[in-house]
Amino acid sequence: MAKTVDPLQEPHVQMDPAARKVTLQDWNPEISDSIDVALSAVTESIDITFPDGRMVSLELESGDIRIHAFNRACEAPLSLRLPETGEISVDRQGYDLADKFLDEDLEAPEGP
């Protein structure tokens, strides 16, 4: 089983040693930027982890593809729901709530 990666871990993200390392090039051929990422897969998700703490996770939920994006700005993800047909939806609720409470130095409420 793959090791769980905490995208907010300090000082650097601990990448799963079993993950496949890939160099991601900038799509613009005029820019020579690249970043090394770790790809890992378990039964429930496919994760792309960046050394600077960003992470993208793909899951299957009730027939829809769910994409969760994490960064250091917020502990909660910003999520997309990608159905086979119909509209793609964005779920910012946890992301926006967590950001609000971080800004106000308050504690987020418990529960859903």
C-alpha atoms as a PDB file:
ATOM      1  CA  MET A   1       0.000   0.000   0.000  1.00  0.00           C
ATOM      2  CA  ALA A   2       1.300   3.474  -0.874  1.00  0.00           C
ATOM      3  CA  LYS A   3       2.352   5.839   1.875  1.00  0.00           C
ATOM      4  CA  THR A   4      -0.041   8.734   2.475  1.00  0.00           C
ATOM      5  CA  VAL A   5       1.497  12.082   1.533  1.00  0.00           C
ATOM      6  CA  ASP A   6       0.663  15.216   3.493  1.00  0.00           C
ATOM      7  CA  PRO A   7       0.924  18.112   0.978  1.00  0.00           C
ATOM      8  CA  LEU A   8       1.334  20.621   3.819  1.00  0.00           C
ATOM      9  CA  GLN A   9       4.196  18.852   5.612  1.00  0.00           C
ATOM     10  CA  GLU A  10       7.154  21.056   6.596  1.00  0.00           C
ATOM     11  CA  PRO A  11       9.831  21.705   5.529  1.00  0.00           C
ATOM     12  CA  HIS A  12       9.574  19.538   2.394  1.00  0.00           C
ATOM     13  CA  VAL A  13       7.003  17.050   1.187  1.00  0.00           C
ATOM     14  CA  GLN A  14       7.978  13.421   1.802  1.00  0.00           C
ATOM     15  CA  MET A  15       7.306  11.684  -1.495  1.00  0.00           C
ATOM     16  CA  ASP A  16       6.300   8.032  -1.558  1.00  0.00           C
ATOM     17  CA  PRO A  17       9.490   6.081  -2.368  1.00  0.00           C
ATOM     18  CA  ALA A  18       7.404   3.635  -4.463  1.00  0.00           C
ATOM     19  CA  ALA A  19       6.020   6.497  -6.568  1.00  0.00           C
ATOM     20  CA  ARG A  20       7.140   6.904 -10.150  1.00  0.00           C
ATOM     21  CA  LYS A  21       9.241  10.033 -10.650  1.00  0.00           C
ATOM     22  CA  VAL A  22       8.385  12.109 -13.735  1.00  0.00           C
ATOM     23  CA  THR A  23       9.756  15.409 -15.006  1.00  0.00           C
ATOM     24  CA  LEU A  24       6.927  17.708 -16.081  1.00  0.00           C
ATOM     25  CA  GLN A  25       7.974  20.192 -18.778  1.00  0.00           C
ATOM     26  CA  ASP A  26       6.261  23.529 -19.372  1.00  0.00           C
ATOM     27  CA  TRP A  27       3.863  23.170 -22.337  1.00  0.00           C
ATOM     28  CA  ASN A  28       5.227  26.396 -23.872  1.00  0.00           C
ATOM     29  CA  PRO A  29       8.276  25.446 -25.980  1.00  0.00           C
ATOM     30  CA  GLU A  30       9.745  28.943 -25.466  1.00  0.00           C
ATOM     31  CA  ILE A  31      10.012  28.322 -21.711  1.00  0.00           C
ATOM     32  CA  SER A  32      12.497  25.767 -20.448  1.00  0.00           C
ATOM     33  CA  ASP A  33      10.889  25.329 -16.998  1.00  0.00           C
ATOM     34  CA  SER A  34      10.369  21.854 -15.599  1.00  0.00           C
ATOM     35  CA  ILE A  35       9.506  20.296 -12.241  1.00  0.00           C
ATOM     36  CA  ASP A  36       9.961  16.776 -10.913  1.00  0.00           C
ATOM     37  CA  VAL A  37       6.751  15.159  -9.665  1.00  0.00           C
ATOM     38  CA  ALA A  38       5.867  11.841  -8.061  1.00  0.00           C
ATOM     39  CA  LEU A  39       3.018   9.745  -9.474  1.00  0.00           C
ATOM     40  CA  SER A  40       1.498   7.175  -7.150  1.00  0.00           C
ATOM     41  CA  ALA A  41      -1.571   5.032  -7.467  1.00  0.00           C
ATOM     42  CA  VAL A  42      -3.598   2.987  -5.027  1.00  0.00           C
ATOM     43  CA  THR A  43      -7.012   1.414  -5.499  1.00  0.00           C
ATOM     44  CA  GLU A  44      -8.834   4.599  -4.430  1.00  0.00           C
ATOM     45  CA  SER A  45      -6.763   7.348  -6.080  1.00  0.00           C
ATOM     46  CA  ILE A  46      -4.012   8.489  -8.390  1.00  0.00           C
ATOM     47  CA  ASP A  47      -1.876  11.211  -6.832  1.00  0.00           C
ATOM     48  CA  ILE A  48       0.548  13.695  -8.362  1.00  0.00           C
ATOM     49  CA  THR A  49       2.784  15.205  -5.692  1.00  0.00           C
ATOM     50  CA  PHE A  50       5.093  18.178  -6.248  1.00  0.00           C
ATOM     51  CA  PRO A  51       8.194  18.771  -4.088  1.00  0.00           C
ATOM     52  CA  ASP A  52       6.936  22.252  -3.100  1.00  0.00           C
ATOM     53  CA  GLY A  53       3.797  20.876  -1.397  1.00  0.00           C
ATOM     54  CA  ARG A  54       1.232  21.036  -4.199  1.00  0.00           C
ATOM     55  CA  MET A  55      -0.752  17.878  -4.894  1.00  0.00           C
ATOM     56  CA  VAL A  56      -3.501  16.732  -7.267  1.00  0.00           C
ATOM     57  CA  SER A  57      -5.543  13.640  -6.477  1.00  0.00           C
ATOM     58  CA  LEU A  58      -7.924  11.799  -8.861  1.00  0.00           C
ATOM     59  CA  GLU A  59     -10.728   9.615  -7.505  1.00  0.00           C
ATOM     60  CA  LEU A  60     -13.820   7.856  -8.794  1.00  0.00           C
ATOM     61  CA  GLU A  61     -16.948   8.816  -6.834  1.00  0.00           C
ATOM     62  CA  SER A  62     -20.444   7.629  -7.795  1.00  0.00           C
ATOM     63  CA  GLY A  63     -19.385   7.295 -11.434  1.00  0.00           C
ATOM     64  CA  ASP A  64     -17.847  10.794 -11.599  1.00  0.00           C
ATOM     65  CA  ILE A  65     -14.156  11.626 -11.693  1.00  0.00           C
ATOM     66  CA  ARG A  66     -13.265  13.846  -8.705  1.00  0.00           C
ATOM     67  CA  ILE A  67     -10.153  15.992  -8.898  1.00  0.00           C
ATOM     68  CA  HIS A  68      -8.839  17.447  -5.636  1.00  0.00           C
ATOM     69  CA  ALA A  69      -6.177  20.170  -5.752  1.00  0.00           C
ATOM     70  CA  PHE A  70      -4.123  21.030  -2.658  1.00  0.00           C
ATOM     71  CA  ASN A  71      -1.548  23.731  -1.979  1.00  0.00           C
ATOM     72  CA  ARG A  72       0.042  25.352   1.052  1.00  0.00           C
ATOM     73  CA  ALA A  73      -2.514  28.195   1.105  1.00  0.00           C
ATOM     74  CA  CYS A  74      -5.276  25.991   2.516  1.00  0.00           C
ATOM     75  CA  GLU A  75      -5.541  22.593   4.197  1.00  0.00           C
ATOM     76  CA  ALA A  76      -8.839  21.802   2.417  1.00  0.00           C
ATOM     77  CA  PRO A  77      -8.805  21.013  -1.320  1.00  0.00           C
ATOM     78  CA  LEU A  78     -10.496  22.796  -4.159  1.00  0.00           C
ATOM     79  CA  SER A  79     -12.385  20.013  -5.967  1.00  0.00           C
ATOM     80  CA  LEU A  80     -13.851  19.437  -9.422  1.00  0.00           C
ATOM     81  CA  ARG A  81     -16.546  16.888 -10.256  1.00  0.00           C
ATOM     82  CA  LEU A  82     -16.203  15.625 -13.820  1.00  0.00           C
ATOM     83  CA  PRO A  83     -19.278  13.606 -14.881  1.00  0.00           C
ATOM     84  CA  GLU A  84     -19.339  11.519 -18.054  1.00  0.00           C
ATOM     85  CA  THR A  85     -22.004  13.877 -19.413  1.00  0.00           C
ATOM     86  CA  GLY A  86     -23.358  17.156 -18.134  1.00  0.00           C
ATOM     87  CA  GLU A  87     -21.655  20.103 -16.507  1.00  0.00           C
ATOM     88  CA  ILE A  88     -18.358  20.023 -14.677  1.00  0.00           C
ATOM     89  CA  SER A  89     -18.852  21.427 -11.180  1.00  0.00           C
ATOM     90  CA  VAL A  90     -16.449  23.094  -8.756  1.00  0.00           C
ATOM     91  CA  ASP A  91     -16.625  22.520  -5.004  1.00  0.00           C
ATOM     92  CA  ARG A  92     -14.920  25.384  -3.149  1.00  0.00           C
ATOM     93  CA  GLN A  93     -16.856  25.105   0.111  1.00  0.00           C
ATOM     94  CA  GLY A  94     -14.181  23.584   2.368  1.00  0.00           C
ATOM     95  CA  TYR A  95     -11.449  25.519   0.567  1.00  0.00           C
ATOM     96  CA  ASP A  96     -13.213  28.873   1.012  1.00  0.00           C
ATOM     97  CA  LEU A  97     -14.276  28.160   4.617  1.00  0.00           C
ATOM     98  CA  ALA A  98     -10.787  27.131   5.658  1.00  0.00           C
ATOM     99  CA  ASP A  99      -9.329  30.204   3.937  1.00  0.00           C
ATOM    100  CA  LYS A 100     -11.841  32.469   5.722  1.00  0.00           C
ATOM    101  CA  PHE A 101     -10.968  31.024   9.116  1.00  0.00           C
ATOM    102  CA  LEU A 102      -7.239  31.263   8.425  1.00  0.00           C
ATOM    103  CA  ASP A 103      -7.654  34.923   7.470  1.00  0.00           C
ATOM    104  CA  GLU A 104      -9.675  35.724  10.574  1.00  0.00           C
ATOM    105  CA  ASP A 105      -7.478  33.597  12.855  1.00  0.00           C
ATOM    106  CA  LEU A 106     -10.590  31.721  13.990  1.00  0.00           C
ATOM    107  CA  GLU A 107     -11.279  28.024  14.352  1.00  0.00           C
ATOM    108  CA  ALA A 108     -13.366  26.329  11.676  1.00  0.00           C
ATOM    109  CA  PRO A 109     -16.621  24.778  12.910  1.00  0.00           C
ATOM    110  CA  GLU A 110     -16.687  21.010  13.505  1.00  0.00           C
ATOM    111  CA  GLY A 111     -18.711  18.623  11.334  1.00  0.00           C
ATOM    112  CA  PRO A 112     -20.114  18.769   7.805  1.00  0.00           C
END
